[in-house]
Amino acid sequence: MKSFLNISVEYDKCRYVIIPVPYDSTSTLIPGTRFGPESIISVSPGLEEFDMDYGIFIPDIWTEREEEMPAEPYKMTEIVKMKVIKELNNKKIPVILGGEHTISFGSITALLEFYNDLIVVSFDAHYDLRDEYSGFKLSHATVMRRVIEKAPVCFIGQRVISKEEKDFINTCRNFIQDFRKISNKNIYISFDLDAFDPSVCPSVGNPEMDGLKWKETIEIIEFLCSRNNVVGFDVVELQPVGNPLYGSYTAASLVKKIILNIERRKLNGKP
């Protein structure tokens, strides 16, 4: 079985569990994100376990085996939910790799059963706040609408919006625009890779110009992790088919950086 960064440890010794979710049944522009988890894990051994920016090593990580998902979105997210609940019950921090953004609904609904004050931070070029899209109530374009009905969501990196979404935002009480106002909270980070500028990560299903650059993204991650308790996260929407391999490497590097920033907070003695 392939593992993230080729880390091989006993399950009981790890703090983080990688959960790959190969799914893209509602994709509408460039399908292929179902191959994202395998690509991220496959390139990850190219990363070093030591991080020069922070002066620490990556902690022990367990990588779950990839399993085929049902096509129906709610059935798929229910499976993801059960997987995440298992890890939460075992006191692990779940790291979900997609796959299209729809999968986030499963992990977030699981975490809401453990943290009723959860705030979701959504990095994305899109708001994903449509009520329905291509006949789906739950899809990559509606996932944050389903989430924001259950929990507050902070949006970072968005640069395109539909009229429906703009009208909805004007009346939504769970909408948070400024991440700097989030402090001492339990948060879940959902990172759609199209939040990046295509020069940083071209390998996505719905690319948009003029996105986040690497350094500013990591600075935001550092800010969020230093001030809040990150209880889980996902990295989604990698579309590696026919795309530059460095997009997969960018995604793997992002996973490593988020884990290390969660660790830095723990090392500083913060809950």
C-alpha atoms as a PDB file:
ATOM      1  CA  MET A   1       0.000   0.000   0.000  1.00  0.00           C
ATOM      2  CA  LYS A   2       1.320   3.443  -0.935  1.00  0.00           C
ATOM      3  CA  SER A   3       1.592   5.895   1.930  1.00  0.00           C
ATOM      4  CA  PHE A   4       1.996   9.649   2.190  1.00  0.00           C
ATOM      5  CA  LEU A   5       5.705  10.556   2.224  1.00  0.00           C
ATOM      6  CA  ASN A   6       6.439   6.821   2.390  1.00  0.00           C
ATOM      7  CA  ILE A   7       5.874   7.048   6.150  1.00  0.00           C
ATOM      8  CA  SER A   8       5.371   3.593   7.604  1.00  0.00           C
ATOM      9  CA  VAL A   9       4.195   3.505  11.212  1.00  0.00           C
ATOM     10  CA  GLU A  10       1.737   1.560  13.340  1.00  0.00           C
ATOM     11  CA  TYR A  11      -1.766   3.028  13.298  1.00  0.00           C
ATOM     12  CA  ASP A  12      -1.828   3.454  17.079  1.00  0.00           C
ATOM     13  CA  LYS A  13       1.271   5.697  16.946  1.00  0.00           C
ATOM     14  CA  CYS A  14       0.001   8.200  14.393  1.00  0.00           C
ATOM     15  CA  ARG A  15      -1.787  11.498  15.038  1.00  0.00           C
ATOM     16  CA  TYR A  16      -2.916  12.084  11.459  1.00  0.00           C
ATOM     17  CA  VAL A  17      -4.796   9.795   9.081  1.00  0.00           C
ATOM     18  CA  ILE A  18      -4.869  10.368   5.328  1.00  0.00           C
ATOM     19  CA  ILE A  19      -8.250   9.391   3.831  1.00  0.00           C
ATOM     20  CA  PRO A  20      -8.198   9.258   0.006  1.00  0.00           C
ATOM     21  CA  VAL A  21     -11.574   9.780  -1.680  1.00  0.00           C
ATOM     22  CA  PRO A  22     -11.476   9.128  -5.467  1.00  0.00           C
ATOM     23  CA  TYR A  23     -14.667  10.802  -6.648  1.00  0.00           C
ATOM     24  CA  ASP A  24     -15.732  13.125  -9.478  1.00  0.00           C
ATOM     25  CA  SER A  25     -19.258  12.094 -10.428  1.00  0.00           C
ATOM     26  CA  THR A  26     -20.666  15.658 -10.497  1.00  0.00           C
ATOM     27  CA  SER A  27     -17.704  17.311 -12.254  1.00  0.00           C
ATOM     28  CA  THR A  28     -18.853  19.558 -15.104  1.00  0.00           C
ATOM     29  CA  LEU A  29     -15.786  21.088 -16.783  1.00  0.00           C
ATOM     30  CA  ILE A  30     -12.673  18.890 -16.719  1.00  0.00           C
ATOM     31  CA  PRO A  31     -13.301  15.477 -15.100  1.00  0.00           C
ATOM     32  CA  GLY A  32     -10.496  13.400 -13.617  1.00  0.00           C
ATOM     33  CA  THR A  33     -10.283  14.547  -9.995  1.00  0.00           C
ATOM     34  CA  ARG A  34     -10.965  10.954  -8.935  1.00  0.00           C
ATOM     35  CA  PHE A  35      -7.299  10.339  -9.770  1.00  0.00           C
ATOM     36  CA  GLY A  36      -6.200  13.162  -7.448  1.00  0.00           C
ATOM     37  CA  PRO A  37      -5.641  11.249  -4.189  1.00  0.00           C
ATOM     38  CA  GLU A  38      -3.443   8.612  -5.798  1.00  0.00           C
ATOM     39  CA  SER A  39      -1.388  11.274  -7.577  1.00  0.00           C
ATOM     40  CA  ILE A  40      -0.813  13.289  -4.385  1.00  0.00           C
ATOM     41  CA  ILE A  41       0.280  10.211  -2.466  1.00  0.00           C
ATOM     42  CA  SER A  42       2.453   8.953  -5.345  1.00  0.00           C
ATOM     43  CA  VAL A  43       4.509  12.163  -5.627  1.00  0.00           C
ATOM     44  CA  SER A  44       4.711  12.829  -1.880  1.00  0.00           C
ATOM     45  CA  PRO A  45       7.899  10.750  -1.326  1.00  0.00           C
ATOM     46  CA  GLY A  46       9.678  13.513  -3.234  1.00  0.00           C
ATOM     47  CA  LEU A  47       9.136  15.760  -0.210  1.00  0.00           C
ATOM     48  CA  GLU A  48      11.599  15.834   2.683  1.00  0.00           C
ATOM     49  CA  GLU A  49      10.417  14.873   6.162  1.00  0.00           C
ATOM     50  CA  PHE A  50      12.262  17.856   7.670  1.00  0.00           C
ATOM     51  CA  ASP A  51      10.934  21.369   7.059  1.00  0.00           C
ATOM     52  CA  MET A  52      13.518  24.150   6.859  1.00  0.00           C
ATOM     53  CA  ASP A  53      10.953  26.933   7.376  1.00  0.00           C
ATOM     54  CA  TYR A  54       9.824  25.594  10.748  1.00  0.00           C
ATOM     55  CA  GLY A  55      12.773  23.475  11.845  1.00  0.00           C
ATOM     56  CA  ILE A  56      10.654  20.416  12.633  1.00  0.00           C
ATOM     57  CA  PHE A  57      10.013  16.978  11.159  1.00  0.00           C
ATOM     58  CA  ILE A  58       6.706  15.779   9.773  1.00  0.00           C
ATOM     59  CA  PRO A  59       4.902  13.715  12.461  1.00  0.00           C
ATOM     60  CA  ASP A  60       3.722  10.126  12.132  1.00  0.00           C
ATOM     61  CA  ILE A  61       0.970   9.713   9.534  1.00  0.00           C
ATOM     62  CA  TRP A  62      -1.193   6.738   8.607  1.00  0.00           C
ATOM     63  CA  THR A  63      -2.542   6.429   5.059  1.00  0.00           C
ATOM     64  CA  GLU A  64      -5.817   4.586   4.553  1.00  0.00           C
ATOM     65  CA  ARG A  65      -6.299   2.374   1.518  1.00  0.00           C
ATOM     66  CA  GLU A  66      -8.189   3.984  -1.357  1.00  0.00           C
ATOM     67  CA  GLU A  67     -11.696   2.594  -1.928  1.00  0.00           C
ATOM     68  CA  GLU A  68     -14.069   3.045  -4.855  1.00  0.00           C
ATOM     69  CA  MET A  69     -16.962   5.393  -4.069  1.00  0.00           C
ATOM     70  CA  PRO A  70     -20.604   5.168  -5.179  1.00  0.00           C
ATOM     71  CA  ALA A  71     -21.614   7.706  -7.839  1.00  0.00           C
ATOM     72  CA  GLU A  72     -24.572   9.159  -5.912  1.00  0.00           C
ATOM     73  CA  PRO A  73     -23.283  12.190  -3.922  1.00  0.00           C
ATOM     74  CA  TYR A  74     -25.185  11.626  -0.665  1.00  0.00           C
ATOM     75  CA  LYS A  75     -24.224   7.941  -0.561  1.00  0.00           C
ATOM     76  CA  MET A  76     -20.589   8.879  -1.142  1.00  0.00           C
ATOM     77  CA  THR A  77     -20.557  11.574   1.543  1.00  0.00           C
ATOM     78  CA  GLU A  78     -22.176   9.207   4.044  1.00  0.00           C
ATOM     79  CA  ILE A  79     -19.250   6.799   3.550  1.00  0.00           C
ATOM     80  CA  VAL A  80     -16.775   9.663   4.008  1.00  0.00           C
ATOM     81  CA  LYS A  81     -18.653  10.716   7.139  1.00  0.00           C
ATOM     82  CA  MET A  82     -18.365   7.234   8.653  1.00  0.00           C
ATOM     83  CA  LYS A  83     -14.642   7.088   7.846  1.00  0.00           C
ATOM     84  CA  VAL A  84     -14.031  10.446   9.524  1.00  0.00           C
ATOM     85  CA  ILE A  85     -16.129   9.551  12.578  1.00  0.00           C
ATOM     86  CA  LYS A  86     -13.998   6.434  13.022  1.00  0.00           C
ATOM     87  CA  GLU A  87     -10.827   8.526  13.085  1.00  0.00           C
ATOM     88  CA  LEU A  88     -12.304  11.118  15.426  1.00  0.00           C
ATOM     89  CA  ASN A  89     -13.366   8.380  17.830  1.00  0.00           C
ATOM     90  CA  ASN A  90      -9.763   7.149  17.735  1.00  0.00           C
ATOM     91  CA  LYS A  91      -8.481  10.658  18.549  1.00  0.00           C
ATOM     92  CA  LYS A  92      -6.918  11.157  15.105  1.00  0.00           C
ATOM     93  CA  ILE A  93      -6.860  14.275  12.936  1.00  0.00           C
ATOM     94  CA  PRO A  94      -8.482  13.400   9.580  1.00  0.00           C
ATOM     95  CA  VAL A  95      -6.840  14.587   6.349  1.00  0.00           C
ATOM     96  CA  ILE A  96      -9.118  14.000   3.359  1.00  0.00           C
ATOM     97  CA  LEU A  97      -7.724  13.970  -0.184  1.00  0.00           C
ATOM     98  CA  GLY A  98      -9.998  14.466  -3.194  1.00  0.00           C
ATOM     99  CA  GLY A  99     -11.553  14.061  -5.482  1.00  0.00           C
ATOM    100  CA  GLU A 100     -14.033  16.817  -6.216  1.00  0.00           C
ATOM    101  CA  HIS A 101     -15.108  19.319  -3.588  1.00  0.00           C
ATOM    102  CA  THR A 102     -18.374  17.486  -2.888  1.00  0.00           C
ATOM    103  CA  ILE A 103     -16.520  15.091  -0.584  1.00  0.00           C
ATOM    104  CA  SER A 104     -16.043  17.864   1.991  1.00  0.00           C
ATOM    105  CA  PHE A 105     -19.693  17.628   3.006  1.00  0.00           C
ATOM    106  CA  GLY A 106     -19.068  14.157   4.408  1.00  0.00           C
ATOM    107  CA  SER A 107     -16.107  15.120   6.568  1.00  0.00           C
ATOM    108  CA  ILE A 108     -17.698  18.364   7.766  1.00  0.00           C
ATOM    109  CA  THR A 109     -20.958  16.702   8.832  1.00  0.00           C
ATOM    110  CA  ALA A 110     -18.882  14.173  10.766  1.00  0.00           C
ATOM    111  CA  LEU A 111     -16.954  16.885  12.585  1.00  0.00           C
ATOM    112  CA  LEU A 112     -20.163  18.750  13.428  1.00  0.00           C
ATOM    113  CA  GLU A 113     -21.184  15.748  15.541  1.00  0.00           C
ATOM    114  CA  PHE A 114     -18.063  16.351  17.659  1.00  0.00           C
ATOM    115  CA  TYR A 115     -17.756  20.159  17.521  1.00  0.00           C
ATOM    116  CA  ASN A 116     -20.992  22.132  17.585  1.00  0.00           C
ATOM    117  CA  ASP A 117     -19.021  25.408  17.351  1.00  0.00           C
ATOM    118  CA  LEU A 118     -17.133  24.390  14.200  1.00  0.00           C
ATOM    119  CA  ILE A 119     -16.171  27.055  11.652  1.00  0.00           C
ATOM    120  CA  VAL A 120     -15.340  25.933   8.112  1.00  0.00           C
ATOM    121  CA  VAL A 121     -12.661  27.836   6.194  1.00  0.00           C
ATOM    122  CA  SER A 122     -13.096  27.382   2.445  1.00  0.00           C
ATOM    123  CA  PHE A 123     -10.165  28.225   0.167  1.00  0.00           C
ATOM    124  CA  ASP A 124     -11.587  28.261  -3.352  1.00  0.00           C
ATOM    125  CA  ALA A 125     -11.821  30.293  -6.547  1.00  0.00           C
ATOM    126  CA  HIS A 126     -15.587  29.719  -6.366  1.00  0.00           C
ATOM    127  CA  TYR A 127     -18.140  30.111  -3.597  1.00  0.00           C
ATOM    128  CA  ASP A 128     -19.909  26.803  -4.351  1.00  0.00           C
ATOM    129  CA  LEU A 129     -23.073  28.354  -2.919  1.00  0.00           C
ATOM    130  CA  ARG A 130     -25.592  27.491  -5.628  1.00  0.00           C
ATOM    131  CA  ASP A 131     -28.690  25.775  -4.312  1.00  0.00           C
ATOM    132  CA  GLU A 132     -28.750  23.327  -7.234  1.00  0.00           C
ATOM    133  CA  TYR A 133     -26.459  22.671 -10.183  1.00  0.00           C
ATOM    134  CA  SER A 134     -26.913  20.346 -13.175  1.00  0.00           C
ATOM    135  CA  GLY A 135     -29.762  18.633 -11.347  1.00  0.00           C
ATOM    136  CA  PHE A 136     -27.756  18.006  -8.155  1.00  0.00           C
ATOM    137  CA  LYS A 137     -28.607  19.461  -4.731  1.00  0.00           C
ATOM    138  CA  LEU A 138     -25.203  18.212  -3.539  1.00  0.00           C
ATOM    139  CA  SER A 139     -22.322  18.707  -5.971  1.00  0.00           C
ATOM    140  CA  HIS A 140     -18.975  20.444  -6.385  1.00  0.00           C
ATOM    141  CA  ALA A 141     -20.875  23.686  -7.133  1.00  0.00           C
ATOM    142  CA  THR A 142     -23.352  23.453  -4.224  1.00  0.00           C
ATOM    143  CA  VAL A 143     -21.262  21.910  -1.464  1.00  0.00           C
ATOM    144  CA  MET A 144     -20.729  25.092   0.572  1.00  0.00           C
ATOM    145  CA  ARG A 145     -24.448  25.921   0.298  1.00  0.00           C
ATOM    146  CA  ARG A 146     -25.174  22.618   2.024  1.00  0.00           C
ATOM    147  CA  VAL A 147     -22.408  23.292   4.564  1.00  0.00           C
ATOM    148  CA  ILE A 148     -23.379  26.891   5.352  1.00  0.00           C
ATOM    149  CA  GLU A 149     -26.880  25.661   6.181  1.00  0.00           C
ATOM    150  CA  LYS A 150     -25.257  23.826   9.091  1.00  0.00           C
ATOM    151  CA  ALA A 151     -22.230  25.925  10.145  1.00  0.00           C
ATOM    152  CA  PRO A 152     -20.495  29.287   9.593  1.00  0.00           C
ATOM    153  CA  VAL A 153     -18.142  29.362   6.605  1.00  0.00           C
ATOM    154  CA  CYS A 154     -15.226  31.734   6.030  1.00  0.00           C
ATOM    155  CA  PHE A 155     -14.328  32.226   2.362  1.00  0.00           C
ATOM    156  CA  ILE A 156     -10.787  32.869   1.076  1.00  0.00           C
ATOM    157  CA  GLY A 157      -9.583  33.216  -2.519  1.00  0.00           C
ATOM    158  CA  GLN A 158     -12.950  33.491  -4.264  1.00  0.00           C
ATOM    159  CA  ARG A 159     -12.900  35.566  -7.466  1.00  0.00           C
ATOM    160  CA  VAL A 160     -15.931  34.451  -9.514  1.00  0.00           C
ATOM    161  CA  ILE A 161     -19.575  34.459  -8.476  1.00  0.00           C
ATOM    162  CA  SER A 162     -23.011  33.810  -9.957  1.00  0.00           C
ATOM    163  CA  LYS A 163     -25.954  36.157  -9.479  1.00  0.00           C
ATOM    164  CA  GLU A 164     -27.709  33.507  -7.394  1.00  0.00           C
ATOM    165  CA  GLU A 165     -24.727  33.239  -5.077  1.00  0.00           C
ATOM    166  CA  LYS A 166     -24.355  37.015  -4.732  1.00  0.00           C
ATOM    167  CA  ASP A 167     -28.023  37.378  -3.812  1.00  0.00           C
ATOM    168  CA  PHE A 168     -27.711  34.543  -1.286  1.00  0.00           C
ATOM    169  CA  ILE A 169     -24.620  36.045   0.376  1.00  0.00           C
ATOM    170  CA  ASN A 170     -26.483  39.317   0.960  1.00  0.00           C
ATOM    171  CA  THR A 171     -28.958  37.503   3.229  1.00  0.00           C
ATOM    172  CA  CYS A 172     -26.811  34.725   4.765  1.00  0.00           C
ATOM    173  CA  ARG A 173     -25.962  35.029   8.462  1.00  0.00           C
ATOM    174  CA  ASN A 174     -23.376  32.227   8.441  1.00  0.00           C
ATOM    175  CA  PHE A 175     -21.178  33.982   5.863  1.00  0.00           C
ATOM    176  CA  ILE A 176     -17.692  35.106   7.033  1.00  0.00           C
ATOM    177  CA  GLN A 177     -15.436  37.076   4.674  1.00  0.00           C
ATOM    178  CA  ASP A 178     -12.494  38.098   6.914  1.00  0.00           C
ATOM    179  CA  PHE A 179     -10.389  35.184   8.215  1.00  0.00           C
ATOM    180  CA  ARG A 180      -8.507  37.554  10.545  1.00  0.00           C
ATOM    181  CA  LYS A 181     -11.611  37.728  12.743  1.00  0.00           C
ATOM    182  CA  ILE A 182     -11.434  33.998  13.550  1.00  0.00           C
ATOM    183  CA  SER A 183      -9.629  33.277  16.807  1.00  0.00           C
ATOM    184  CA  ASN A 184      -9.720  30.559  19.489  1.00  0.00           C
ATOM    185  CA  LYS A 185     -12.146  28.450  17.467  1.00  0.00           C
ATOM    186  CA  ASN A 186     -12.373  24.857  16.291  1.00  0.00           C
ATOM    187  CA  ILE A 187     -11.919  25.091  12.537  1.00  0.00           C
ATOM    188  CA  TYR A 188     -11.935  22.806   9.510  1.00  0.00           C
ATOM    189  CA  ILE A 189      -9.927  23.855   6.455  1.00  0.00           C
ATOM    190  CA  SER A 190     -11.329  22.881   3.067  1.00  0.00           C
ATOM    191  CA  PHE A 191      -8.817  23.682   0.330  1.00  0.00           C
ATOM    192  CA  ASP A 192      -9.950  23.571  -3.279  1.00  0.00           C
ATOM    193  CA  LEU A 193      -6.724  23.806  -5.266  1.00  0.00           C
ATOM    194  CA  ASP A 194      -8.228  26.213  -7.791  1.00  0.00           C
ATOM    195  CA  ALA A 195      -7.888  28.836  -5.047  1.00  0.00           C
ATOM    196  CA  PHE A 196      -4.276  28.980  -6.258  1.00  0.00           C
ATOM    197  CA  ASP A 197      -3.271  30.953  -9.304  1.00  0.00           C
ATOM    198  CA  PRO A 198      -2.795  28.473 -12.198  1.00  0.00           C
ATOM    199  CA  SER A 199       0.916  29.324 -12.186  1.00  0.00           C
ATOM    200  CA  VAL A 200       1.106  27.643  -8.762  1.00  0.00           C
ATOM    201  CA  CYS A 201      -1.238  24.719  -9.449  1.00  0.00           C
ATOM    202  CA  PRO A 202      -2.503  24.305 -13.015  1.00  0.00           C
ATOM    203  CA  SER A 203      -3.827  20.788 -12.399  1.00  0.00           C
ATOM    204  CA  VAL A 204      -7.441  21.496 -11.412  1.00  0.00           C
ATOM    205  CA  GLY A 205     -10.879  20.839 -12.839  1.00  0.00           C
ATOM    206  CA  ASN A 206     -12.089  24.462 -12.882  1.00  0.00           C
ATOM    207  CA  PRO A 207      -9.092  26.824 -13.195  1.00  0.00           C
ATOM    208  CA  GLU A 208      -9.502  30.590 -12.720  1.00  0.00           C
ATOM    209  CA  MET A 209      -6.913  33.294 -13.365  1.00  0.00           C
ATOM    210  CA  ASP A 210      -5.382  35.645 -10.770  1.00  0.00           C
ATOM    211  CA  GLY A 211      -5.492  33.374  -7.729  1.00  0.00           C
ATOM    212  CA  LEU A 212      -3.529  32.988  -4.536  1.00  0.00           C
ATOM    213  CA  LYS A 213       0.254  32.655  -4.676  1.00  0.00           C
ATOM    214  CA  TRP A 214       2.152  30.113  -2.584  1.00  0.00           C
ATOM    215  CA  LYS A 215       3.737  32.436  -0.026  1.00  0.00           C
ATOM    216  CA  GLU A 216       0.572  34.388   0.783  1.00  0.00           C
ATOM    217  CA  THR A 217      -1.382  31.139   1.080  1.00  0.00           C
ATOM    218  CA  ILE A 218       1.058  29.656   3.578  1.00  0.00           C
ATOM    219  CA  GLU A 219       1.028  32.904   5.569  1.00  0.00           C
ATOM    220  CA  ILE A 220      -2.762  32.636   5.854  1.00  0.00           C
ATOM    221  CA  ILE A 221      -2.464  28.974   6.874  1.00  0.00           C
ATOM    222  CA  GLU A 222       0.108  29.944   9.524  1.00  0.00           C
ATOM    223  CA  PHE A 223      -2.208  32.659  10.839  1.00  0.00           C
ATOM    224  CA  LEU A 224      -5.231  30.370  11.052  1.00  0.00           C
ATOM    225  CA  CYS A 225      -3.363  27.456  12.636  1.00  0.00           C
ATOM    226  CA  SER A 226      -1.568  29.596  15.216  1.00  0.00           C
ATOM    227  CA  ARG A 227      -4.810  31.146  16.464  1.00  0.00           C
ATOM    228  CA  ASN A 228      -7.240  28.255  16.174  1.00  0.00           C
ATOM    229  CA  ASN A 229      -7.616  24.543  16.791  1.00  0.00           C
ATOM    230  CA  VAL A 230      -7.637  22.830  13.384  1.00  0.00           C
ATOM    231  CA  VAL A 231      -9.600  19.598  13.880  1.00  0.00           C
ATOM    232  CA  GLY A 232      -9.320  18.347  10.303  1.00  0.00           C
ATOM    233  CA  PHE A 233      -8.794  19.456   6.733  1.00  0.00           C
ATOM    234  CA  ASP A 234      -9.121  18.446   3.117  1.00  0.00           C
ATOM    235  CA  VAL A 235      -7.280  19.182  -0.125  1.00  0.00           C
ATOM    236  CA  VAL A 236      -9.535  18.671  -3.135  1.00  0.00           C
ATOM    237  CA  GLU A 237     -10.020  19.205  -6.878  1.00  0.00           C
ATOM    238  CA  LEU A 238      -6.602  18.039  -8.087  1.00  0.00           C
ATOM    239  CA  GLN A 239      -7.086  16.963 -11.706  1.00  0.00           C
ATOM    240  CA  PRO A 240      -3.765  15.290 -12.664  1.00  0.00           C
ATOM    241  CA  VAL A 241      -4.805  13.699 -15.975  1.00  0.00           C
ATOM    242  CA  GLY A 242      -2.872  15.349 -18.805  1.00  0.00           C
ATOM    243  CA  ASN A 243      -1.731  18.130 -16.487  1.00  0.00           C
ATOM    244  CA  PRO A 244       1.756  19.087 -15.244  1.00  0.00           C
ATOM    245  CA  LEU A 245       2.985  16.796 -12.482  1.00  0.00           C
ATOM    246  CA  TYR A 246       4.099  19.745 -10.395  1.00  0.00           C
ATOM    247  CA  GLY A 247       0.423  20.417  -9.643  1.00  0.00           C
ATOM    248  CA  SER A 248       0.340  17.138  -7.707  1.00  0.00           C
ATOM    249  CA  TYR A 249       3.570  18.096  -5.991  1.00  0.00           C
ATOM    250  CA  THR A 250       2.077  21.458  -5.008  1.00  0.00           C
ATOM    251  CA  ALA A 251      -0.896  19.631  -3.479  1.00  0.00           C
ATOM    252  CA  ALA A 252       1.366  17.243  -1.536  1.00  0.00           C
ATOM    253  CA  SER A 253       3.469  20.177  -0.311  1.00  0.00           C
ATOM    254  CA  LEU A 254       0.310  21.925   0.884  1.00  0.00           C
ATOM    255  CA  VAL A 255      -0.792  18.851   2.843  1.00  0.00           C
ATOM    256  CA  LYS A 256       2.620  18.757   4.512  1.00  0.00           C
ATOM    257  CA  LYS A 257       2.553  22.482   5.374  1.00  0.00           C
ATOM    258  CA  ILE A 258      -0.911  22.338   6.936  1.00  0.00           C
ATOM    259  CA  ILE A 259       0.036  19.321   9.066  1.00  0.00           C
ATOM    260  CA  LEU A 260       3.232  21.041  10.200  1.00  0.00           C
ATOM    261  CA  ASN A 261       1.338  24.190  11.174  1.00  0.00           C
ATOM    262  CA  ILE A 262      -1.117  22.162  13.258  1.00  0.00           C
ATOM    263  CA  GLU A 263       1.913  20.543  14.905  1.00  0.00           C
ATOM    264  CA  ARG A 264       3.552  23.905  15.632  1.00  0.00           C
ATOM    265  CA  ARG A 265       0.527  24.946  17.661  1.00  0.00           C
ATOM    266  CA  LYS A 266       0.648  21.683  19.623  1.00  0.00           C
ATOM    267  CA  LEU A 267       4.394  22.063  20.218  1.00  0.00           C
ATOM    268  CA  ASN A 268       3.721  25.525  21.632  1.00  0.00           C
ATOM    269  CA  GLY A 269       1.435  23.933  24.216  1.00  0.00           C
ATOM    270  CA  LYS A 270      -1.831  25.260  22.813  1.00  0.00           C
ATOM    271  CA  PRO A 271      -4.933  23.022  22.753  1.00  0.00           C
END
